Protein backbone atom coordinates (compact mmCIF):
# COMPACT_ATOMS: atom_id res chain seq x y z
CA MET A 1 -84.10 42.52 8.01
CA ASN A 2 -81.20 42.66 5.63
CA GLY A 3 -81.88 39.47 3.76
CA PHE A 4 -79.18 37.38 5.42
CA SER A 5 -81.43 35.94 8.13
CA ASN A 6 -82.91 33.51 5.64
CA HIS A 7 -79.45 32.10 4.82
CA PRO A 8 -78.11 30.17 7.83
CA LEU A 9 -74.34 29.84 8.09
CA ASP A 10 -73.00 26.50 6.98
CA GLU A 11 -69.42 25.30 7.21
CA ASP A 12 -69.84 23.45 3.94
CA ALA A 13 -70.45 26.73 2.19
CA PHE A 14 -66.85 27.76 2.96
CA GLY A 15 -65.24 24.54 1.76
CA GLU A 16 -64.78 22.89 -1.57
CA LYS A 17 -67.80 21.63 -3.48
CA ARG A 18 -68.68 18.03 -2.93
CA THR A 19 -67.84 15.65 -5.73
CA ALA A 20 -68.16 11.93 -6.29
CA GLY A 21 -64.90 11.19 -4.40
CA ALA A 22 -65.42 13.67 -1.59
CA GLY A 23 -65.99 10.89 0.92
CA LEU A 24 -62.36 9.79 0.67
CA ARG A 25 -61.21 13.22 1.82
CA THR A 26 -62.39 12.41 5.33
CA PHE A 27 -59.49 9.95 5.56
CA ASP A 28 -56.90 12.59 4.61
CA ALA A 29 -54.70 13.11 7.69
CA PHE A 30 -52.77 16.01 6.18
CA PRO A 31 -54.53 19.39 6.52
CA LYS A 32 -54.31 21.58 3.47
CA THR A 33 -54.82 25.26 2.98
CA LYS A 34 -57.47 26.30 0.49
CA PRO A 35 -56.01 27.96 -2.60
CA THR A 36 -58.21 31.03 -2.02
CA TYR A 37 -56.49 31.60 1.33
CA MET A 38 -53.02 31.77 -0.17
CA THR A 39 -51.59 34.95 -1.62
CA PRO A 40 -48.47 34.56 -3.80
CA THR A 41 -45.76 37.08 -3.08
CA ARG A 42 -42.48 37.94 -4.72
CA ARG A 43 -40.55 37.13 -1.56
CA GLY A 44 -42.20 33.72 -1.25
CA GLY A 45 -41.34 32.94 -4.87
CA GLN A 46 -37.69 33.77 -4.23
CA TRP A 47 -37.61 31.48 -1.21
CA THR A 48 -39.20 28.70 -3.28
CA VAL A 49 -36.56 29.00 -6.01
CA ILE A 50 -33.76 28.92 -3.41
CA ILE A 51 -35.24 25.84 -1.69
CA TYR A 52 -35.63 24.01 -5.02
CA ALA A 53 -32.05 24.85 -5.96
CA ILE A 54 -30.72 23.54 -2.63
CA CYS A 55 -32.76 20.34 -2.98
CA THR A 56 -31.41 19.80 -6.49
CA ILE A 57 -27.77 20.31 -5.47
CA LEU A 58 -28.02 18.04 -2.43
CA SER A 59 -29.88 15.38 -4.41
CA LEU A 60 -27.23 15.39 -7.14
CA GLY A 61 -24.57 15.07 -4.43
CA GLU A 62 -26.33 12.04 -2.96
CA LEU A 63 -26.64 10.44 -6.41
CA LEU A 64 -22.97 11.04 -7.16
CA THR A 65 -21.90 9.62 -3.80
CA TRP A 66 -24.04 6.54 -4.35
CA TYR A 67 -22.67 6.04 -7.87
CA ARG A 68 -19.06 6.30 -6.71
CA GLY A 69 -19.64 3.97 -3.80
CA THR A 70 -17.76 3.84 -0.54
CA GLU A 71 -14.34 2.34 0.03
CA ASN A 72 -13.69 0.17 3.08
CA GLN A 73 -10.36 -1.13 4.32
CA HIS A 74 -10.43 -4.34 6.28
CA PHE A 75 -7.45 -5.92 8.03
CA SER A 76 -7.34 -9.60 8.88
CA VAL A 77 -5.00 -12.55 9.15
CA GLU A 78 -4.40 -14.14 5.78
CA LYS A 79 -6.39 -17.34 5.37
CA GLY A 80 -4.85 -20.57 4.22
CA VAL A 81 -1.18 -21.46 3.85
CA SER A 82 0.94 -19.42 1.46
CA ARG A 83 4.19 -20.83 0.20
CA GLU A 84 5.49 -18.84 -2.75
CA LEU A 85 6.04 -15.17 -3.46
CA GLN A 86 6.74 -13.75 -6.90
CA MET A 87 9.24 -10.93 -7.22
CA ASN A 88 9.35 -8.68 -10.29
CA LEU A 89 12.53 -6.74 -10.94
CA ASP A 90 13.74 -4.43 -13.65
CA MET A 91 16.89 -2.48 -12.82
CA VAL A 92 20.08 -1.25 -14.44
CA VAL A 93 23.44 -1.33 -12.63
CA ASN A 94 26.34 0.72 -13.95
CA MET A 95 28.62 -2.33 -14.31
CA PRO A 96 29.00 -5.01 -17.02
CA CYS A 97 26.87 -8.13 -16.55
CA ALA A 98 29.93 -10.38 -16.36
CA ASP A 99 31.10 -8.57 -13.23
CA LEU A 100 27.80 -8.89 -11.31
CA ARG A 101 26.32 -11.62 -9.15
CA VAL A 102 22.59 -11.74 -8.35
CA ASN A 103 21.27 -14.01 -5.60
CA VAL A 104 18.42 -14.49 -3.14
CA GLN A 105 18.71 -16.01 0.31
CA ASP A 106 15.66 -16.30 2.56
CA ALA A 107 15.03 -17.17 6.20
CA SER A 108 14.31 -20.82 5.36
CA GLY A 109 17.92 -21.25 4.24
CA ASP A 110 17.16 -21.65 0.54
CA HIS A 111 19.73 -20.14 -1.76
CA ILE A 112 18.30 -19.08 -5.12
CA MET A 113 20.71 -18.29 -7.92
CA ALA A 114 18.63 -15.43 -9.22
CA GLY A 115 21.25 -14.58 -11.81
CA MET A 116 20.31 -17.78 -13.65
CA LEU A 117 16.56 -17.14 -13.48
CA LEU A 118 16.53 -13.45 -14.34
CA ASN A 119 17.46 -11.96 -17.69
CA LYS A 120 20.67 -9.94 -17.95
CA ASP A 121 21.33 -7.71 -20.95
CA ASN A 122 24.33 -5.52 -21.55
CA THR A 123 23.26 -1.94 -22.11
CA ASN A 124 24.47 1.62 -21.91
CA TRP A 125 23.66 3.78 -18.89
CA GLU A 126 22.98 6.97 -20.84
CA MET A 127 21.13 5.25 -23.66
CA TRP A 128 18.85 3.37 -21.26
CA ASN A 129 18.09 6.60 -19.45
CA ASN A 130 17.15 8.27 -22.76
CA LYS A 131 15.04 5.25 -23.71
CA LEU A 132 13.04 5.52 -20.50
CA ASN A 133 12.47 9.21 -21.12
CA GLN A 134 10.98 8.34 -24.51
CA ILE A 135 8.72 5.72 -22.94
CA SER A 136 7.47 8.26 -20.39
CA ALA A 137 6.59 10.78 -23.15
CA GLY A 138 9.67 12.88 -22.61
CA VAL A 139 9.03 13.48 -18.91
CA HIS A 140 11.87 12.64 -16.56
CA GLU A 141 9.97 10.73 -13.88
CA TYR A 142 12.85 9.39 -11.84
CA GLN A 143 13.15 10.13 -8.15
CA THR A 144 16.38 10.22 -6.18
CA LEU A 145 16.93 8.77 -2.76
CA ASN A 146 17.34 12.22 -1.20
CA ALA A 147 14.44 14.03 -2.87
CA GLU A 148 10.67 13.77 -2.78
CA ASP A 149 8.34 14.55 -5.65
CA ASN A 150 4.84 15.70 -4.74
CA ASN A 151 3.42 14.50 -8.06
CA ARG A 152 4.88 11.07 -7.45
CA LEU A 153 3.41 10.93 -3.96
CA LEU A 154 0.00 11.86 -5.35
CA ALA A 155 0.31 9.09 -7.95
CA GLN A 156 1.12 6.58 -5.22
CA GLU A 157 -1.86 7.79 -3.21
CA GLU A 158 -4.09 7.03 -6.19
CA ASP A 159 -2.80 3.46 -6.29
CA ILE A 160 -4.22 2.67 -2.87
CA HIS A 161 -7.85 3.00 -4.06
CA ALA A 162 -9.68 -0.02 -5.43
CA ARG A 163 -11.42 1.78 -8.31
CA HIS A 164 -8.20 3.36 -9.57
CA VAL A 165 -6.18 0.13 -9.34
CA ILE A 166 -8.77 -2.03 -11.10
CA GLN A 167 -9.36 0.47 -13.91
CA HIS A 168 -5.62 1.06 -14.30
CA VAL A 169 -4.91 -2.65 -14.67
CA ARG A 170 -7.74 -3.06 -17.17
CA ARG A 171 -6.44 -0.22 -19.33
CA ASN A 172 -2.90 -1.64 -19.23
CA PRO A 173 -3.16 -5.42 -19.64
CA ARG A 174 0.46 -5.70 -20.79
CA ARG A 175 2.57 -7.58 -18.27
CA LYS A 176 5.77 -7.87 -20.24
CA PHE A 177 8.98 -5.99 -19.62
CA PRO A 178 10.04 -3.53 -22.33
CA LYS A 179 12.80 -4.57 -24.68
CA THR A 180 16.37 -3.53 -24.05
CA PRO A 181 17.51 -0.87 -26.54
CA ARG A 182 20.16 -1.95 -29.02
CA LEU A 183 23.74 -0.89 -28.54
CA SER A 184 25.61 1.22 -31.05
CA ALA A 185 29.08 2.62 -31.60
CA LYS A 186 28.03 5.81 -29.88
CA TYR A 187 26.71 3.92 -26.86
CA PRO A 188 29.01 1.01 -25.95
CA ALA A 189 28.04 -1.52 -23.31
CA ASP A 190 28.98 -0.24 -19.86
CA SER A 191 25.99 -1.34 -17.74
CA CYS A 192 23.82 -4.35 -17.07
CA ARG A 193 20.06 -4.57 -17.14
CA ILE A 194 18.62 -7.20 -14.79
CA TYR A 195 14.94 -7.94 -15.29
CA GLY A 196 12.32 -10.66 -15.00
CA SER A 197 10.22 -12.46 -12.42
CA LEU A 198 11.25 -15.22 -10.05
CA GLU A 199 9.49 -17.37 -7.48
CA GLY A 200 10.73 -17.55 -3.92
CA ASN A 201 9.52 -18.65 -0.53
CA LYS A 202 7.02 -16.37 1.14
CA VAL A 203 9.30 -15.68 4.09
CA GLN A 204 11.78 -13.02 5.08
CA GLY A 205 14.59 -12.83 2.58
CA ASP A 206 17.51 -10.90 1.14
CA PHE A 207 17.89 -10.12 -2.55
CA HIS A 208 21.27 -8.66 -3.42
CA VAL A 209 23.42 -7.61 -6.33
CA THR A 210 27.14 -7.83 -5.65
CA ALA A 211 30.39 -7.88 -7.62
CA ARG A 212 32.16 -10.95 -8.87
CA GLY A 213 34.27 -12.55 -6.15
CA HIS A 214 32.68 -10.58 -3.30
CA GLY A 215 30.08 -11.85 -0.91
CA TYR A 216 30.19 -15.48 -2.04
CA SER A 217 32.79 -18.18 -2.35
CA ASP A 218 33.42 -17.48 -5.99
CA MET A 219 36.11 -19.57 -7.57
CA GLY A 220 36.79 -16.92 -10.17
CA GLU A 221 39.10 -13.98 -9.90
CA HIS A 222 38.04 -11.16 -7.60
CA LEU A 223 37.06 -8.06 -9.45
CA ASP A 224 39.32 -5.08 -8.91
CA HIS A 225 37.77 -2.52 -6.59
CA SER A 226 38.43 0.31 -9.00
CA LYS A 227 35.86 -1.21 -11.38
CA PHE A 228 33.07 -1.10 -8.83
CA ASN A 229 30.19 1.24 -9.56
CA PHE A 230 26.86 0.32 -7.99
CA SER A 231 24.95 3.32 -9.32
CA HIS A 232 21.59 1.93 -10.38
CA MET A 233 18.12 2.70 -11.73
CA ILE A 234 15.11 0.74 -10.50
CA THR A 235 12.36 0.76 -13.09
CA GLU A 236 10.22 -1.92 -11.46
CA LEU A 237 10.30 -3.66 -8.10
CA SER A 238 7.09 -5.38 -7.01
CA PHE A 239 5.84 -8.51 -5.33
CA GLY A 240 3.05 -10.73 -6.59
CA PRO A 241 1.55 -10.69 -10.12
CA HIS A 242 3.32 -8.29 -12.43
CA TYR A 243 1.24 -5.15 -12.96
CA PRO A 244 3.62 -2.62 -14.56
CA SER A 245 0.92 0.07 -14.54
CA LEU A 246 0.94 0.30 -10.74
CA LEU A 247 3.48 2.59 -9.09
CA ASN A 248 5.42 1.12 -6.18
CA PRO A 249 7.62 3.08 -3.74
CA LEU A 250 10.91 2.10 -5.41
CA ASP A 251 9.70 2.19 -9.01
CA LYS A 252 11.57 4.76 -11.10
CA THR A 253 14.29 5.35 -8.54
CA ILE A 254 17.82 6.38 -9.44
CA ALA A 255 20.84 6.36 -7.16
CA THR A 256 24.33 7.42 -8.26
CA THR A 257 27.66 7.53 -6.50
CA ASP A 258 31.28 8.29 -7.37
CA ALA A 259 32.62 5.97 -4.67
CA HIS A 260 33.65 2.45 -5.67
CA TYR A 261 33.25 0.56 -2.41
CA TYR A 262 29.67 1.59 -1.75
CA LYS A 263 26.66 -0.18 -0.28
CA TYR A 264 22.95 0.49 -0.89
CA GLN A 265 20.39 -1.09 1.42
CA TYR A 266 16.62 -1.11 1.00
CA PHE A 267 14.40 -2.40 3.80
CA LEU A 268 10.96 -3.45 2.57
CA ASN A 269 7.83 -4.42 4.53
CA VAL A 270 5.50 -6.35 2.24
CA VAL A 271 1.75 -6.37 2.98
CA PRO A 272 -0.49 -8.75 0.98
CA THR A 273 -3.35 -6.70 -0.46
CA ILE A 274 -6.61 -7.49 -2.23
CA TYR A 275 -8.43 -4.85 -4.30
CA SER A 276 -12.05 -5.62 -5.12
CA LYS A 277 -15.38 -4.08 -6.14
CA GLY A 278 -18.76 -5.40 -5.07
CA ASN A 279 -21.02 -5.88 -2.07
CA GLY A 280 -20.29 -8.60 0.46
CA VAL A 281 -16.86 -9.49 -0.95
CA VAL A 282 -15.12 -9.34 2.44
CA GLU A 283 -17.69 -11.68 3.99
CA LYS A 284 -17.32 -14.17 1.12
CA TYR A 285 -13.55 -14.19 1.44
CA THR A 286 -13.67 -14.54 5.23
CA SER A 287 -16.06 -17.50 5.10
CA ASN A 288 -14.37 -19.42 2.28
CA PRO A 289 -11.25 -17.89 0.66
CA ALA A 290 -10.78 -20.64 -1.95
CA MET A 291 -14.31 -20.38 -3.35
CA ALA A 292 -14.40 -16.62 -2.99
CA PHE A 293 -11.54 -16.09 -5.44
CA LYS A 294 -13.28 -18.26 -8.04
CA LYS A 295 -16.56 -16.35 -7.77
CA MET A 296 -15.32 -12.82 -7.16
CA ARG A 297 -15.05 -10.53 -10.15
CA ASN A 298 -13.20 -7.24 -10.30
CA THR A 299 -10.65 -8.60 -7.84
CA ILE A 300 -6.89 -8.10 -7.92
CA PHE A 301 -4.52 -9.85 -5.55
CA THR A 302 -1.17 -8.13 -5.16
CA ASN A 303 1.20 -6.80 -2.53
CA GLN A 304 2.09 -3.36 -1.25
CA TYR A 305 5.28 -2.48 0.52
CA SER A 306 6.86 0.38 2.37
CA ALA A 307 10.52 1.13 1.82
CA THR A 308 13.34 2.78 3.72
CA SER A 309 16.84 3.18 2.37
CA GLN A 310 20.34 3.48 3.70
CA SER A 311 23.57 3.99 1.81
CA LEU A 312 27.12 4.35 3.02
CA ASP A 313 30.70 4.37 1.84
CA LEU A 314 32.47 1.27 3.17
CA PRO A 315 36.11 0.87 4.10
CA GLU A 316 37.87 -1.54 1.78
CA ASN A 317 38.38 -4.71 3.83
CA PRO A 318 37.28 -8.35 3.49
CA TYR A 319 34.58 -7.94 6.15
CA ASN A 320 32.53 -5.45 4.12
CA THR A 321 30.60 -6.31 0.99
CA PRO A 322 29.52 -3.52 -1.36
CA GLY A 323 26.48 -3.84 -3.58
CA VAL A 324 22.73 -3.30 -3.72
CA PHE A 325 20.75 -5.18 -1.06
CA PHE A 326 16.97 -5.57 -0.76
CA LYS A 327 15.88 -6.97 2.58
CA TYR A 328 12.17 -7.78 2.58
CA ASN A 329 9.89 -8.91 5.37
CA ILE A 330 6.36 -10.35 4.96
CA GLU A 331 3.83 -8.80 7.33
CA PRO A 332 1.41 -11.29 8.97
CA ILE A 333 -1.70 -9.34 7.94
CA LEU A 334 -3.92 -9.04 4.90
CA LEU A 335 -5.27 -5.70 3.72
CA PHE A 336 -8.63 -5.87 1.96
CA VAL A 337 -9.54 -2.69 0.03
CA ASN A 338 -13.14 -3.08 -1.11
CA GLU A 339 -15.39 -0.63 -2.92
CA GLU A 340 -19.11 -1.25 -2.56
CA ARG A 341 -22.30 0.58 -3.43
CA GLY A 342 -25.36 0.88 -1.20
CA SER A 343 -28.81 -0.37 -2.19
CA PHE A 344 -31.12 1.70 -4.36
CA LEU A 345 -33.79 1.67 -1.62
CA ALA A 346 -31.35 3.24 0.82
CA LEU A 347 -30.60 5.90 -1.79
CA LEU A 348 -34.31 6.71 -2.11
CA VAL A 349 -34.65 6.99 1.66
CA ARG A 350 -31.72 9.42 1.80
CA LEU A 351 -33.16 11.50 -1.05
CA VAL A 352 -36.54 11.72 0.68
CA ASN A 353 -34.87 12.73 3.93
CA VAL A 354 -32.79 15.39 2.22
CA VAL A 355 -35.65 16.91 0.23
CA SER A 356 -38.16 16.87 3.09
CA GLY A 357 -35.60 18.26 5.53
CA VAL A 358 -34.74 21.14 3.24
CA ILE A 359 -38.42 21.94 2.57
CA VAL A 360 -39.38 21.88 6.26
CA THR A 361 -36.34 23.89 7.30
CA GLY A 362 -36.94 26.37 4.50
CA GLY A 363 -40.55 26.80 5.59
CA TRP A 364 -39.49 27.53 9.15
CA LEU A 365 -36.91 30.04 8.02
CA PHE A 366 -39.44 31.71 5.72
CA GLN A 367 -41.94 32.03 8.56
CA LEU A 368 -39.31 33.39 10.95
CA SER A 369 -38.08 35.89 8.40
CA SER A 370 -41.65 36.96 7.64
CA TRP A 371 -42.37 37.40 11.34
CA ALA A 372 -39.17 39.42 11.84
CA SER A 373 -40.00 41.61 8.82
CA GLU A 374 -43.50 42.24 10.16
CA VAL A 375 -42.16 43.17 13.61
CA LEU A 376 -39.68 45.60 12.10
CA ARG A 377 -42.41 47.08 9.90
CA ARG A 378 -44.69 47.65 12.89
CA ARG A 379 -41.94 49.27 14.92
CA ARG A 380 -41.14 51.55 12.02
CA ARG A 381 -44.79 52.55 11.74
CA ASN A 382 -45.00 53.24 15.47
CA MET A 383 -41.88 55.37 15.36
CA GLU A 384 -43.27 57.34 12.42
CA GLY A 385 -46.55 57.80 14.30
CA VAL A 386 -44.74 59.09 17.40
CA LEU A 387 -42.67 61.50 15.34
CA ASN A 388 -45.75 62.76 13.50
CA GLY A 389 -47.56 63.19 16.82
CA ARG A 390 -44.72 65.27 18.21
CA ALA A 391 -44.69 67.38 15.10
CA HIS A 392 -48.43 68.08 15.33
CA SER A 393 -48.18 68.89 19.04
CA GLY A 394 -45.43 71.39 18.24
CA ASP A 395 -47.72 73.12 15.77
CA TYR A 396 -50.45 73.45 18.38
CA ASP A 397 -47.97 74.86 20.94
CA GLU A 398 -47.07 77.59 18.55
């Protein structure tokens, strides 16, 4: 009749032309829309750009998180038997070295004459303060016992992360104490710098700086109380290997007083700490601590401590001993701060999940928004048709 009866309908006529590899398409489980059925729109292009941008941002975030790694903190009982604990001290007391006595007495009963093991240099209080300001690039970094510095607290927060500690120690390999500035006629000797490292028993102990003839059975003459002045600056106080680049709670602390018979007390809780980078480091240390330390790289063994202070003006009687006292206690735990990075396969899985999730969710949102736009468009057309119908009916009524 019209020429179409001689051309029977065939589903293959509406599909793609058969090629040599067309047989493999029968195994394709993912239905695809023919390109001729798709109409590109401006709104669809905008949605595509937004979805690609979101995928890119989230993928970069996943890559950055994987590169930085994750930090884990693990608490356990310290393995093995520890016997010795190194103490690093660098402080200035506003009294001549000949009038000071430095000693350590621990819970085991050992009495260490720290004054013979540590270095003592006569210095000037004001000159040493100016010298430290030059070392710190002209910035007065000292904290007082009654004030808190937010910048200092932020710096201490940085020193509890494995990456920061390891990089900081690598950049500052120097472990020596700075030299004492030379005296001059303008700056006579009126203070004593006490610095160095000493080994003690790894038990509760008391490190104290007192005046000559006070606190111990000193055969020499007792120092007159009017010469007492236990104002002091603590440049370094740490336990374990000496890492001067790390900031401890009492580092760069200054305490001054006008009273002569005065007592400063610092109560320290020392926590052994291991900073490391790498996967499976905690398991290696737990299984065999001795071999783990030989094989582990990027590992730093040190100690952290918390500090509280108390100072008071004492009445002058033989039962009270003025000075600077550090009472430290060793906590029976080990803190393991380890930074590790996940596997590359896990990163790929997360990237695939992120990208596919964004694409699927974006498709749903696009379809919902298209449906809502179409519904609103139809309602608008209906309302216009009703209004036009009323207008025409009004014309006929007239």
